[in-house]
Amino acid sequence: MIDPAELDLMAQLARFVRQSRWADFTGAAFTAESPSHVTVYRLPAEPTT
């Protein structure tokens, strides 16, 4: 498994922002002891001109 902090850094370098993170697909809270994680990233909204 990729460490969540490493994944966050890779996403940030690709200009994504983290929207949410859970321990599993049921939406259980993610903790330092969680054996897995489900993370949702999004691209920030483009500024309108």
PDB file of N, CA and C in Angstrom:
ATOM      1  N   MET A   1       0.845  -1.183   0.000  1.00  0.00           N
ATOM      2  CA  MET A   1       0.000   0.000   0.000  1.00  0.00           C
ATOM      3  C   MET A   1       0.887   1.242   0.000  1.00  0.00           C
ATOM      4  N   ILE A   2       0.479   2.225  -0.745  1.00  0.00           N
ATOM      5  CA  ILE A   2       1.172   3.515  -0.745  1.00  0.00           C
ATOM      6  C   ILE A   2       0.786   4.267   0.521  1.00  0.00           C
ATOM      7  N   ASP A   3       1.779   4.823   1.188  1.00  0.00           N
ATOM      8  CA  ASP A   3       1.525   5.615   2.386  1.00  0.00           C
ATOM      9  C   ASP A   3       0.634   6.804   2.023  1.00  0.00           C
ATOM     10  N   PRO A   4      -0.401   7.096   2.816  1.00  0.00           N
ATOM     11  CA  PRO A   4      -1.295   8.208   2.501  1.00  0.00           C
ATOM     12  C   PRO A   4      -0.575   9.548   2.317  1.00  0.00           C
ATOM     13  N   ALA A   5       0.456   9.813   3.102  1.00  0.00           N
ATOM     14  CA  ALA A   5       1.194  11.073   2.957  1.00  0.00           C
ATOM     15  C   ALA A   5       1.919  11.131   1.614  1.00  0.00           C
ATOM     16  N   GLU A   6       2.468   9.991   1.170  1.00  0.00           N
ATOM     17  CA  GLU A   6       3.125   9.946  -0.138  1.00  0.00           C
ATOM     18  C   GLU A   6       2.109  10.169  -1.253  1.00  0.00           C
ATOM     19  N   LEU A   7       0.952   9.549  -1.120  1.00  0.00           N
ATOM     20  CA  LEU A   7      -0.091   9.719  -2.122  1.00  0.00           C
ATOM     21  C   LEU A   7      -0.557  11.169  -2.182  1.00  0.00           C
ATOM     22  N   ASP A   8      -0.710  11.797  -1.018  1.00  0.00           N
ATOM     23  CA  ASP A   8      -1.093  13.211  -0.983  1.00  0.00           C
ATOM     24  C   ASP A   8      -0.060  14.077  -1.699  1.00  0.00           C
ATOM     25  N   LEU A   9       1.224  13.786  -1.490  1.00  0.00           N
ATOM     26  CA  LEU A   9       2.276  14.556  -2.148  1.00  0.00           C
ATOM     27  C   LEU A   9       2.225  14.370  -3.663  1.00  0.00           C
ATOM     28  N   MET A  10       2.059  13.134  -4.116  1.00  0.00           N
ATOM     29  CA  MET A  10       1.965  12.885  -5.561  1.00  0.00           C
ATOM     30  C   MET A  10       0.763  13.610  -6.154  1.00  0.00           C
ATOM     31  N   ALA A  11      -0.356  13.575  -5.458  1.00  0.00           N
ATOM     32  CA  ALA A  11      -1.553  14.266  -5.940  1.00  0.00           C
ATOM     33  C   ALA A  11      -1.323  15.769  -5.983  1.00  0.00           C
ATOM     34  N   GLN A  12      -0.689  16.302  -4.949  1.00  0.00           N
ATOM     35  CA  GLN A  12      -0.410  17.740  -4.906  1.00  0.00           C
ATOM     36  C   GLN A  12       0.491  18.156  -6.069  1.00  0.00           C
ATOM     37  N   LEU A  13       1.495  17.346  -6.370  1.00  0.00           N
ATOM     38  CA  LEU A  13       2.390  17.655  -7.488  1.00  0.00           C
ATOM     39  C   LEU A  13       1.650  17.637  -8.826  1.00  0.00           C
ATOM     40  N   ALA A  14       0.564  16.870  -8.892  1.00  0.00           N
ATOM     41  CA  ALA A  14      -0.260  16.811 -10.100  1.00  0.00           C
ATOM     42  C   ALA A  14      -1.400  17.824 -10.053  1.00  0.00           C
ATOM     43  N   ARG A  15      -1.374  18.714  -9.056  1.00  0.00           N
ATOM     44  CA  ARG A  15      -2.329  19.808  -8.894  1.00  0.00           C
ATOM     45  C   ARG A  15      -3.709  19.358  -8.415  1.00  0.00           C
ATOM     46  N   PHE A  16      -3.780  18.193  -7.785  1.00  0.00           N
ATOM     47  CA  PHE A  16      -5.024  17.728  -7.185  1.00  0.00           C
ATOM     48  C   PHE A  16      -5.071  18.162  -5.728  1.00  0.00           C
ATOM     49  N   VAL A  17      -6.275  18.284  -5.201  1.00  0.00           N
ATOM     50  CA  VAL A  17      -6.462  18.550  -3.775  1.00  0.00           C
ATOM     51  C   VAL A  17      -7.295  17.417  -3.184  1.00  0.00           C
ATOM     52  N   ARG A  18      -6.972  17.046  -1.961  1.00  0.00           N
ATOM     53  CA  ARG A  18      -7.705  15.961  -1.315  1.00  0.00           C
ATOM     54  C   ARG A  18      -9.077  16.460  -0.894  1.00  0.00           C
ATOM     55  N   GLN A  19     -10.080  15.684  -1.237  1.00  0.00           N
ATOM     56  CA  GLN A  19     -11.447  16.020  -0.859  1.00  0.00           C
ATOM     57  C   GLN A  19     -11.863  15.245   0.383  1.00  0.00           C
ATOM     58  N   SER A  20     -11.510  13.957   0.445  1.00  0.00           N
ATOM     59  CA  SER A  20     -11.888  13.147   1.605  1.00  0.00           C
ATOM     60  C   SER A  20     -11.029  11.893   1.666  1.00  0.00           C
ATOM     61  N   ARG A  21     -11.013  11.285   2.845  1.00  0.00           N
ATOM     62  CA  ARG A  21     -10.279  10.022   3.026  1.00  0.00           C
ATOM     63  C   ARG A  21     -11.022   9.192   4.061  1.00  0.00           C
ATOM     64  N   TRP A  22     -11.199   7.912   3.740  1.00  0.00           N
ATOM     65  CA  TRP A  22     -11.856   6.965   4.637  1.00  0.00           C
ATOM     66  C   TRP A  22     -10.981   5.726   4.785  1.00  0.00           C
ATOM     67  N   ALA A  23     -11.320   4.887   5.734  1.00  0.00           N
ATOM     68  CA  ALA A  23     -10.592   3.637   5.941  1.00  0.00           C
ATOM     69  C   ALA A  23     -11.052   2.553   4.963  1.00  0.00           C
ATOM     70  N   ASP A  24     -12.288   2.678   4.461  1.00  0.00           N
ATOM     71  CA  ASP A  24     -12.827   1.679   3.537  1.00  0.00           C
ATOM     72  C   ASP A  24     -13.985   2.283   2.744  1.00  0.00           C
ATOM     73  N   PHE A  25     -14.577   1.473   1.889  1.00  0.00           N
ATOM     74  CA  PHE A  25     -15.650   1.971   1.029  1.00  0.00           C
ATOM     75  C   PHE A  25     -16.977   2.170   1.757  1.00  0.00           C
ATOM     76  N   THR A  26     -17.067   1.768   3.021  1.00  0.00           N
ATOM     77  CA  THR A  26     -18.284   2.028   3.791  1.00  0.00           C
ATOM     78  C   THR A  26     -18.255   3.411   4.425  1.00  0.00           C
ATOM     79  N   GLY A  27     -17.113   4.093   4.348  1.00  0.00           N
ATOM     80  CA  GLY A  27     -16.993   5.428   4.925  1.00  0.00           C
ATOM     81  C   GLY A  27     -16.501   5.437   6.359  1.00  0.00           C
ATOM     82  N   ALA A  28     -15.913   4.318   6.809  1.00  0.00           N
ATOM     83  CA  ALA A  28     -15.362   4.264   8.170  1.00  0.00           C
ATOM     84  C   ALA A  28     -14.240   5.285   8.307  1.00  0.00           C
ATOM     85  N   ALA A  29     -14.118   5.837   9.494  1.00  0.00           N
ATOM     86  CA  ALA A  29     -13.102   6.863   9.745  1.00  0.00           C
ATOM     87  C   ALA A  29     -11.695   6.310   9.532  1.00  0.00           C
ATOM     88  N   PHE A  30     -10.861   7.086   8.877  1.00  0.00           N
ATOM     89  CA  PHE A  30      -9.462   6.716   8.675  1.00  0.00           C
ATOM     90  C   PHE A  30      -8.662   7.122   9.900  1.00  0.00           C
ATOM     91  N   THR A  31      -7.854   6.196  10.413  1.00  0.00           N
ATOM     92  CA  THR A  31      -6.970   6.476  11.543  1.00  0.00           C
ATOM     93  C   THR A  31      -5.572   5.980  11.201  1.00  0.00           C
ATOM     94  N   ALA A  32      -4.608   6.302  12.041  1.00  0.00           N
ATOM     95  CA  ALA A  32      -3.228   5.850  11.825  1.00  0.00           C
ATOM     96  C   ALA A  32      -3.139   4.320  11.838  1.00  0.00           C
ATOM     97  N   GLU A  33      -4.087   3.653  12.475  1.00  0.00           N
ATOM     98  CA  GLU A  33      -4.087   2.191  12.546  1.00  0.00           C
ATOM     99  C   GLU A  33      -4.859   1.535  11.405  1.00  0.00           C
ATOM    100  N   SER A  34      -5.481   2.315  10.543  1.00  0.00           N
ATOM    101  CA  SER A  34      -6.259   1.746   9.437  1.00  0.00           C
ATOM    102  C   SER A  34      -5.330   0.984   8.494  1.00  0.00           C
ATOM    103  N   PRO A  35      -5.685  -0.258   8.134  1.00  0.00           N
ATOM    104  CA  PRO A  35      -4.825  -1.039   7.244  1.00  0.00           C
ATOM    105  C   PRO A  35      -4.932  -0.624   5.776  1.00  0.00           C
ATOM    106  N   SER A  36      -5.930   0.182   5.447  1.00  0.00           N
ATOM    107  CA  SER A  36      -6.106   0.633   4.064  1.00  0.00           C
ATOM    108  C   SER A  36      -6.762   2.006   4.081  1.00  0.00           C
ATOM    109  N   HIS A  37      -6.859   2.587   2.896  1.00  0.00           N
ATOM    110  CA  HIS A  37      -7.531   3.883   2.810  1.00  0.00           C
ATOM    111  C   HIS A  37      -8.159   4.053   1.444  1.00  0.00           C
ATOM    112  N   VAL A  38      -9.226   4.831   1.411  1.00  0.00           N
ATOM    113  CA  VAL A  38      -9.896   5.239   0.182  1.00  0.00           C
ATOM    114  C   VAL A  38      -9.834   6.762   0.192  1.00  0.00           C
ATOM    115  N   THR A  39      -9.171   7.320  -0.802  1.00  0.00           N
ATOM    116  CA  THR A  39      -8.980   8.765  -0.840  1.00  0.00           C
ATOM    117  C   THR A  39      -9.553   9.319  -2.132  1.00  0.00           C
ATOM    118  N   VAL A  40     -10.256  10.423  -2.023  1.00  0.00           N
ATOM    119  CA  VAL A  40     -10.841  11.092  -3.182  1.00  0.00           C
ATOM    120  C   VAL A  40     -10.129  12.426  -3.361  1.00  0.00           C
ATOM    121  N   TYR A  41      -9.640  12.646  -4.570  1.00  0.00           N
ATOM    122  CA  TYR A  41      -8.988  13.905  -4.920  1.00  0.00           C
ATOM    123  C   TYR A  41      -9.801  14.582  -6.007  1.00  0.00           C
ATOM    124  N   ARG A  42      -9.621  15.872  -6.137  1.00  0.00           N
ATOM    125  CA  ARG A  42     -10.280  16.621  -7.215  1.00  0.00           C
ATOM    126  C   ARG A  42      -9.313  17.681  -7.716  1.00  0.00           C
ATOM    127  N   LEU A  43      -9.570  18.135  -8.906  1.00  0.00           N
ATOM    128  CA  LEU A  43      -8.830  19.280  -9.430  1.00  0.00           C
ATOM    129  C   LEU A  43      -9.520  20.542  -8.955  1.00  0.00           C
ATOM    130  N   PRO A  44      -8.757  21.560  -8.581  1.00  0.00           N
ATOM    131  CA  PRO A  44      -9.401  22.815  -8.174  1.00  0.00           C
ATOM    132  C   PRO A  44     -10.134  23.439  -9.353  1.00  0.00           C
ATOM    133  N   ALA A  45     -11.157  24.200  -9.046  1.00  0.00           N
ATOM    134  CA  ALA A  45     -11.928  24.871 -10.096  1.00  0.00           C
ATOM    135  C   ALA A  45     -11.040  25.861 -10.830  1.00  0.00           C
ATOM    136  N   GLU A  46     -11.193  25.918 -12.120  1.00  0.00           N
ATOM    137  CA  GLU A  46     -10.456  26.890 -12.934  1.00  0.00           C
ATOM    138  C   GLU A  46     -11.063  28.269 -12.706  1.00  0.00           C
ATOM    139  N   PRO A  47     -10.240  29.276 -12.517  1.00  0.00           N
ATOM    140  CA  PRO A  47     -10.806  30.631 -12.375  1.00  0.00           C
ATOM    141  C   PRO A  47     -11.472  31.066 -13.678  1.00  0.00           C
ATOM    142  N   THR A  48     -12.614  31.702 -13.556  1.00  0.00           N
ATOM    143  CA  THR A  48     -13.307  32.195 -14.745  1.00  0.00           C
ATOM    144  C   THR A  48     -12.844  33.611 -15.037  1.00  0.00           C
ATOM    145  N   THR A  49     -12.721  33.907 -16.301  1.00  0.00           N
ATOM    146  CA  THR A  49     -12.274  35.258 -16.697  1.00  0.00           C
ATOM    147  C   THR A  49     -13.347  35.983 -17.452  1.00  0.00           C
TER     148      THR A  49
END
